[in-house]
C-alpha atoms as a PDB file:
ATOM      1  CA  MET A   1      43.842  17.359  23.766  1.00  0.00           C
ATOM      2  CA  ILE A   2      40.718  19.520  22.252  1.00  0.00           C
ATOM      3  CA  LEU A   3      39.669  16.527  20.217  1.00  0.00           C
ATOM      4  CA  ALA A   4      39.572  14.129  23.257  1.00  0.00           C
ATOM      5  CA  THR A   5      37.607  17.176  25.748  1.00  0.00           C
ATOM      6  CA  ALA A   6      35.207  17.643  22.702  1.00  0.00           C
ATOM      7  CA  HIS A   7      34.685  13.864  22.257  1.00  0.00           C
ATOM      8  CA  ASP A   8      34.443  13.936  25.772  1.00  0.00           C
ATOM      9  CA  VAL A   9      31.526  16.609  26.497  1.00  0.00           C
ATOM     10  CA  TYR A  10      29.764  15.643  23.418  1.00  0.00           C
ATOM     11  CA  GLY A  11      29.831  12.183  24.082  1.00  0.00           C
ATOM     12  CA  THR A  12      28.294  12.846  27.471  1.00  0.00           C
ATOM     13  CA  VAL A  13      25.595  15.014  25.919  1.00  0.00           C
ATOM     14  CA  LEU A  14      24.752  12.335  23.380  1.00  0.00           C
ATOM     15  CA  ALA A  15      24.440   9.875  25.957  1.00  0.00           C
ATOM     16  CA  GLN A  16      22.162  11.702  27.911  1.00  0.00           C
ATOM     17  CA  ILE A  17      19.542  11.883  25.149  1.00  0.00           C
ATOM     18  CA  GLY A  18      16.809   8.994  25.521  1.00  0.00           C
ATOM     19  CA  ASN A  19      15.497   6.266  22.552  1.00  0.00           C
ATOM     20  CA  PRO A  20      12.298   8.166  22.253  1.00  0.00           C
ATOM     21  CA  SER A  21       9.084   6.064  21.804  1.00  0.00           C
ATOM     22  CA  PRO A  22       6.996   6.141  18.489  1.00  0.00           C
ATOM     23  CA  GLU A  23       3.758   8.861  18.555  1.00  0.00           C
ATOM     24  CA  ALA A  24       1.548   9.071  16.093  1.00  0.00           C
ATOM     25  CA  PRO A  25       1.372  12.752  14.178  1.00  0.00           C
ATOM     26  CA  PRO A  26      -1.548  14.863  15.318  1.00  0.00           C
ATOM     27  CA  ILE A  27      -3.079  14.385  11.939  1.00  0.00           C
ATOM     28  CA  SER A  28      -3.231  10.246  11.774  1.00  0.00           C
ATOM     29  CA  ASP A  29      -7.002  10.005  12.289  1.00  0.00           C
ATOM     30  CA  SER A  30      -7.601  11.904   9.198  1.00  0.00           C
ATOM     31  CA  ILE A  31      -4.944   9.850   7.497  1.00  0.00           C
ATOM     32  CA  LEU A  32      -5.792   6.375   8.090  1.00  0.00           C
ATOM     33  CA  GLN A  33     -10.010   7.354   7.301  1.00  0.00           C
ATOM     34  CA  MET A  34      -8.184   8.635   4.085  1.00  0.00           C
ATOM     35  CA  VAL A  35      -6.649   5.075   3.373  1.00  0.00           C
ATOM     36  CA  SER A  36      -9.522   3.325   4.823  1.00  0.00           C
ATOM     37  CA  TYR A  37     -11.924   5.286   1.715  1.00  0.00           C
ATOM     38  CA  LEU A  38      -8.981   5.023  -0.565  1.00  0.00           C
ATOM     39  CA  THR A  39      -8.379   0.673   0.041  1.00  0.00           C
ATOM     40  CA  TRP A  40     -12.891   0.796  -0.171  1.00  0.00           C
ATOM     41  CA  PHE A  41     -12.541   2.447  -3.901  1.00  0.00           C
ATOM     42  CA  VAL A  42      -9.923   0.244  -4.939  1.00  0.00           C
ATOM     43  CA  LEU A  43     -11.762  -2.613  -3.665  1.00  0.00           C
ATOM     44  CA  LEU A  44     -15.169  -1.581  -5.215  1.00  0.00           C
ATOM     45  CA  SER A  45     -13.372  -0.820  -8.561  1.00  0.00           C
ATOM     46  CA  GLY A  46     -11.927  -3.671  -8.679  1.00  0.00           C
ATOM     47  CA  ILE A  47     -15.364  -5.858  -8.592  1.00  0.00           C
ATOM     48  CA  ALA A  48     -16.393  -3.357 -11.327  1.00  0.00           C
ATOM     49  CA  ALA A  49     -13.487  -4.214 -13.507  1.00  0.00           C
ATOM     50  CA  ILE A  50     -14.046  -8.500 -13.365  1.00  0.00           C
ATOM     51  CA  THR A  51     -17.467  -8.185 -13.779  1.00  0.00           C
ATOM     52  CA  TYR A  52     -17.032  -5.480 -16.701  1.00  0.00           C
ATOM     53  CA  ALA A  53     -14.522  -7.765 -18.374  1.00  0.00           C
ATOM     54  CA  GLY A  54     -17.029 -10.688 -17.745  1.00  0.00           C
ATOM     55  CA  GLY A  55     -19.806  -9.325 -19.032  1.00  0.00           C
ATOM     56  CA  ARG A  56     -17.709  -8.452 -22.053  1.00  0.00           C
ATOM     57  CA  PHE A  57     -16.072 -11.710 -22.295  1.00  0.00           C
ATOM     58  CA  ALA A  58     -19.732 -13.355 -22.683  1.00  0.00           C
ATOM     59  CA  TRP A  59     -20.245 -10.660 -25.240  1.00  0.00           C
ATOM     60  CA  GLU A  60     -17.438 -11.278 -27.458  1.00  0.00           C
ATOM     61  CA  LYS A  61     -18.311 -15.183 -27.127  1.00  0.00           C
ATOM     62  CA  TRP A  62     -21.453 -14.875 -28.346  1.00  0.00           C
ATOM     63  CA  SER A  63     -20.910 -12.193 -31.207  1.00  0.00           C
ATOM     64  CA  GLY A  64     -18.027 -14.956 -32.565  1.00  0.00           C
ATOM     65  CA  GLY A  65     -15.190 -11.571 -32.218  1.00  0.00           C
ATOM     66  CA  GLY A  66     -11.452 -12.136 -31.062  1.00  0.00           C
ATOM     67  CA  LEU A  67     -11.346 -12.589 -27.211  1.00  0.00           C
ATOM     68  CA  GLN A  68      -9.532 -10.035 -26.058  1.00  0.00           C
ATOM     69  CA  SER A  69     -11.451  -9.618 -22.759  1.00  0.00           C
ATOM     70  CA  PRO A  70      -9.021 -13.104 -21.287  1.00  0.00           C
ATOM     71  CA  LYS A  71      -6.611 -10.511 -20.801  1.00  0.00           C
ATOM     72  CA  MET A  72      -8.742  -7.932 -18.755  1.00  0.00           C
ATOM     73  CA  VAL A  73     -10.099 -10.660 -16.212  1.00  0.00           C
ATOM     74  CA  ALA A  74      -6.597 -11.991 -15.674  1.00  0.00           C
ATOM     75  CA  GLY A  75      -5.316  -8.047 -15.339  1.00  0.00           C
ATOM     76  CA  ALA A  76      -8.427  -7.292 -13.084  1.00  0.00           C
ATOM     77  CA  MET A  77      -7.009 -10.553 -11.037  1.00  0.00           C
ATOM     78  CA  ILE A  78      -3.373  -9.580 -10.855  1.00  0.00           C
ATOM     79  CA  GLY A  79      -4.450  -6.415  -9.827  1.00  0.00           C
ATOM     80  CA  GLY A  80      -6.781  -7.345  -7.157  1.00  0.00           C
ATOM     81  CA  THR A  81      -4.455  -9.241  -5.852  1.00  0.00           C
ATOM     82  CA  VAL A  82      -1.225  -6.791  -5.601  1.00  0.00           C
ATOM     83  CA  ALA A  83      -4.188  -4.385  -3.905  1.00  0.00           C
ATOM     84  CA  THR A  84      -5.535  -6.778  -1.255  1.00  0.00           C
ATOM     85  CA  SER A  85      -1.979  -7.936  -0.414  1.00  0.00           C
ATOM     86  CA  ALA A  86      -0.143  -4.519  -0.301  1.00  0.00           C
ATOM     87  CA  GLY A  87      -1.088  -4.176   3.468  1.00  0.00           C
ATOM     88  CA  THR A  88       0.411  -7.612   4.352  1.00  0.00           C
ATOM     89  CA  ILE A  89       3.872  -6.406   1.891  1.00  0.00           C
ATOM     90  CA  MET A  90       4.566  -3.517   3.978  1.00  0.00           C
ATOM     91  CA  ASN A  91       3.784  -4.881   7.318  1.00  0.00           C
ATOM     92  CA  ALA A  92       6.220  -7.471   6.474  1.00  0.00           C
ATOM     93  CA  VAL A  93       8.990  -5.145   5.110  1.00  0.00           C
ATOM     94  CA  ILE A  94       8.802  -2.648   7.967  1.00  0.00           C
ATOM     95  CA  GLY A  95       7.824  -5.445  10.559  1.00  0.00           C
END
């Protein structure tokens, strides 16, 4: 009997709570600006890494040394692909 009364009272209270709409937090503008800066930095560092690896590849080819730079170029390309597609992946996961 006590359980049935508690269920009726709390069931009525829970039924009155609406579905809230999502609202951005107060500092969301500055967070979005920081994410934009970080995205810009990641893209700039990826371009710098590919440029450095290309220069090193040319130097290794010219000097006749062992070729380590193709691994660097491949790593920079894979890292750039992951960095640029991270937003798309998150949008697909979150919905």
